[in-house]
């Protein structure tokens, strides 16, 4: 079913009005106009304008009625200005022109065939005759407004019969022209009158009608698009299983992308008047019959319109005997398939098959799933092929159909469309399995220089004296002062203090005598500095020469105590580890008679010594007569002070 529809019968009668909603009736007060046939209903939004027609008597009518369909429960008729006397009519056409907010009424019959064109201004409630050389007088024709043109097709001409001519009027003031239609592959529609027509997507659609010369009733559907200026017969698609009957004197409206025809005259006695409704989905090319719980009375020569609120409105008509005054209203819910579904027939929504999708509402076919993606059944968005895979193909139905990257390659991105997305594993890694998001790094202590490796065995263990961090392309030699003894090794171990190693070895060696390594991991053993010595191997430090001893400045790396020489007489050094070619000489006021001394001796009281480097106490001179020095270590004559008066 392309729609959900329920007829509501508004029964208009002098004694009251009843609203038929399924099995529930409700009385509604409404002003009752005269029963009508061969009139027109023109929809403007939720408003319906009813014009002309016949009440079954000898004369045509010229009244305009207004129905506000926005609230059916409060429905009422407004009687508007009537057309001027002499222009009353039946079997005419009426179309709404939005740019002028006017309804254009053409042709019809009022005891004679008519060729006049009038416009009714909705805003001012006035009629205006549009004077221009008209086409032949017509009745039972159809018309539609496309852009700023009024197109009139078919109908019956007085003394001629049915026609298939096309005329065009430029709105609002003319002129009229005869349209020379290009004869396309489908030819031209046959002559007819009392067909039904509507405009959809800037094209005029015409269904059925009757050839008044042969009395043949038709069931063909045609489309005329001014942009092509040719007729196309709308042949149902292969999905179509329903065909509406041949009809004349019925109604047709457009709702979204669908044409709705309702009721009419079939000529098939005893069911020559029908109460059925059919819908044609233009895009799908499929007819369907609307199934209703209950059907209204059959009729034809009624008017049919649709409001902007998706209400279908049927007013009046005849069953072949009595002129009707019933107003029928149907709620029309257009089919709107959600994304992920489609409608191949226009009748129902179906999930898109796996390998396809739709991302918009109301699609008639599904799109193939895009490359680099797969689509499960009923999806509205393609899903990217996972990492480790790719696909350059369309219409994949599952992730399993994405192509795996081969072993030795990887792909860290989703939705890839080319095999170039599968990158060879870099050196230091491998990928054993296909469809890998990332390569596995070689374990610590191993390395691989190969690209595109597929096995762990490509990662070669480092040898003793080497190491490798995880994911290395080559093993590195342990630096001097470090070793690796248990391959494969991720790191090297420091040699302890007092030892070292050469680069790339697995053994630490003791520092030689005369050298030392103060810290662990020392890249080499350092020679003992001048003033120190080390007679043993594998030591972390050297031994200082004792106070009173010295070592030549040029002497380093000593392993002998004898290299620490005794300070000579007249010299001394108080600190250990002294480096110098000589020991510091004794200062003035001091002397040293022995070797290997840490300090010099001071000259005694009453003496002084102005010389340095003295090697004997004899270098301490006595203060002159009449002077004295009460302190030791006098270094100059000035240290001898004069005796006070009265002493010597």
Foldseek 3Di string as FASTA:
>chain_A
DQWDKAKWWFADDPVFTWTDDPPDIDTADEDFDAFFFQWAWEADFQKIWIAWGDNPDLFIFFWIWIWRRPPVRHIYIDTADGDDPPPHFGQWEWYADVVQCWIKIAWHDTPATGGWIWIARPVVRDIDTQDEPTDAGFGQWYWYDFDQKIKIAWGQHVPPFIDGWIWIFGPPRGDIDTQPADQDPVGGDDTFGQWEWEDDPQKIKTAWGARVVVRDIGGWIWIAHVVRRHIDTLAADPPADDGDARFGQWYWYDDHQKIKTAWGARPPPPPRTDGWMWMARSVLRYIDTDDYPDTDDTFGSWYWDAHNQQKIWTAWGDPVPRIRGMIMIMRIDGRKAAWQWEANRSRDIAGAAWQFTAQGIHHNHTHGAAFQFTGATSDRDTHGQAWQFGAQDTRHRDNVPTHGQAWQWTAQDTSHRDNVNTHGAAWQFTGQHTSHNHTFGQAWQWTARDTSHRDNVNTHGDDWQWTDHTSHHDIAGAAKQWTGADISHNHTHGAAWQWIGHTSHHDIDGAAWQWTGQGTSDNHTHGAAFQWGAQHTSHNHTHGAAWQWEAENPDISHNDNVNGHGAQWQATAQHTSHYHPHGHGAAWQFGGQDTSHHHTHGAAWQWTAQDISHNDSVNTHGADPQWTAGDTSHRDNVNTHGDDPPDD
